[in-house]
Protein backbone atom coordinates (compact mmCIF):
# COMPACT_ATOMS: atom_id res chain seq x y z
CA MET A 1 -14.45 -16.16 11.82
CA GLY A 2 -12.51 -13.96 9.35
CA THR A 3 -9.87 -11.41 10.12
CA ALA A 4 -9.78 -7.91 8.73
CA THR A 5 -7.28 -7.22 5.99
CA ALA A 6 -4.46 -5.00 7.19
CA LEU A 7 -4.51 -1.55 5.62
CA GLU A 8 -1.30 -0.53 3.90
CA HIS A 9 0.16 2.90 4.58
CA PRO A 10 3.33 4.33 3.07
CA THR A 11 6.20 4.93 5.47
CA ARG A 12 7.21 8.55 5.96
CA GLU A 13 10.14 7.98 3.61
CA ASP A 14 7.82 6.65 0.89
CA ILE A 15 5.41 9.62 0.88
CA ARG A 16 5.86 11.57 -2.37
CA ILE A 17 4.79 15.14 -3.06
CA GLU A 18 3.23 14.11 -6.39
CA ALA A 19 0.90 11.64 -4.66
CA VAL A 20 0.02 14.11 -1.90
CA LEU A 21 -0.80 16.90 -4.36
CA HIS A 22 -2.83 14.51 -6.52
CA ALA A 23 -4.79 13.38 -3.46
CA LEU A 24 -5.46 16.96 -2.36
CA ALA A 25 -6.45 18.16 -5.84
CA ASP A 26 -9.91 16.55 -5.72
CA PRO A 27 -12.62 18.67 -4.00
CA VAL A 28 -14.18 15.67 -2.21
CA ARG A 29 -10.83 14.50 -0.87
CA LEU A 30 -9.93 18.04 0.16
CA ARG A 31 -13.21 18.26 2.09
CA ILE A 32 -12.39 14.96 3.83
CA VAL A 33 -8.95 16.27 4.83
CA GLN A 34 -10.44 19.51 6.15
CA ALA A 35 -13.02 17.58 8.19
CA VAL A 36 -10.44 15.17 9.63
CA ALA A 37 -8.22 18.14 10.52
CA ASP A 38 -11.15 19.84 12.26
CA CYS A 39 -12.20 16.70 14.19
CA GLY A 40 -8.84 15.14 14.97
CA GLU A 41 -10.16 11.72 14.01
CA MET A 42 -13.25 10.67 12.15
CA ALA A 43 -15.01 7.54 10.90
CA CYS A 44 -15.42 7.16 7.14
CA GLY A 45 -19.22 7.41 7.06
CA VAL A 46 -19.61 10.57 9.14
CA LEU A 47 -19.52 13.17 6.34
CA ASP A 48 -22.44 13.65 3.98
CA LEU A 49 -20.58 14.30 0.72
CA HIS A 50 -23.34 13.27 -1.70
CA VAL A 51 -21.26 10.51 -3.33
CA SER A 52 -21.81 6.76 -3.41
CA LYS A 53 -20.24 4.52 -0.78
CA SER A 54 -17.89 3.01 -3.37
CA THR A 55 -16.77 6.47 -4.50
CA LEU A 56 -16.19 7.52 -0.91
CA THR A 57 -14.15 4.35 -0.31
CA HIS A 58 -12.05 5.22 -3.36
CA HIS A 59 -11.37 8.75 -2.05
CA TYR A 60 -10.29 7.47 1.37
CA ARG A 61 -8.02 4.87 -0.30
CA VAL A 62 -6.33 7.56 -2.43
CA LEU A 63 -5.72 9.69 0.66
CA ARG A 64 -4.37 6.71 2.63
CA GLU A 65 -2.11 5.46 -0.17
CA ALA A 66 -0.73 8.99 -0.68
CA GLY A 67 0.17 9.19 3.01
CA VAL A 68 -2.25 12.01 3.80
CA ILE A 69 -4.38 10.06 6.29
CA HIS A 70 -3.92 7.03 8.51
CA GLN A 71 -6.80 4.57 8.81
CA ARG A 72 -7.27 2.09 11.62
CA PRO A 73 -10.09 -0.42 11.89
CA VAL A 74 -12.34 -0.22 14.94
CA GLY A 75 -15.00 -2.90 14.73
CA THR A 76 -16.63 -2.49 11.33
CA ALA A 77 -15.57 1.16 10.99
CA LYS A 78 -12.35 2.75 9.80
CA ILE A 79 -11.14 5.67 11.87
CA ASN A 80 -9.16 8.31 9.99
CA THR A 81 -6.50 10.65 11.32
CA LEU A 82 -4.39 13.17 9.46
CA ARG A 83 -0.69 12.31 9.17
CA ARG A 84 0.20 15.86 10.12
CA ASP A 85 3.58 15.05 11.70
CA ASP A 86 4.75 13.16 8.61
CA LEU A 87 3.46 15.77 6.16
CA ASP A 88 4.86 18.69 8.16
CA ALA A 89 8.27 17.00 8.40
CA LEU A 90 8.42 16.28 4.68
CA PHE A 91 6.66 19.35 3.27
CA PRO A 92 6.78 22.18 5.84
CA GLY A 93 3.85 24.56 5.53
CA LEU A 94 1.99 22.58 2.85
CA LEU A 95 -0.77 21.26 5.07
CA ASN A 96 -1.21 24.56 6.91
CA GLY A 97 -1.52 26.36 3.58
CA ILE A 98 -4.06 23.87 2.27
CA LEU A 99 -6.14 24.00 5.44
CA ALA A 100 -6.01 27.82 5.61
CA ALA A 101 -7.27 28.23 2.04
CA PRO A 102 -10.79 29.64 1.67
CA ARG A 103 -13.43 26.93 1.69
């Protein structure tokens, strides 16, 4: 019986504005962030974004590695939450501005 590979997340101190802005610059990733913010937490496969599963996996990985979202495995799913506390502490107002932008 295999064990799931631990997902790596940057510490708060390792989150960089360049990585966050890069992650938020893509329309698909921005839509993911907006949906996670609206829901509080969300499984990866919930949104219908009209992209392949591998592309969706890539987008979630970019968001996780940038420190925008936190992923935790639950069974075979990955549950995503926004790292709002970390982002607000490091970049006050950034997330609120992004989420308030017209959709």
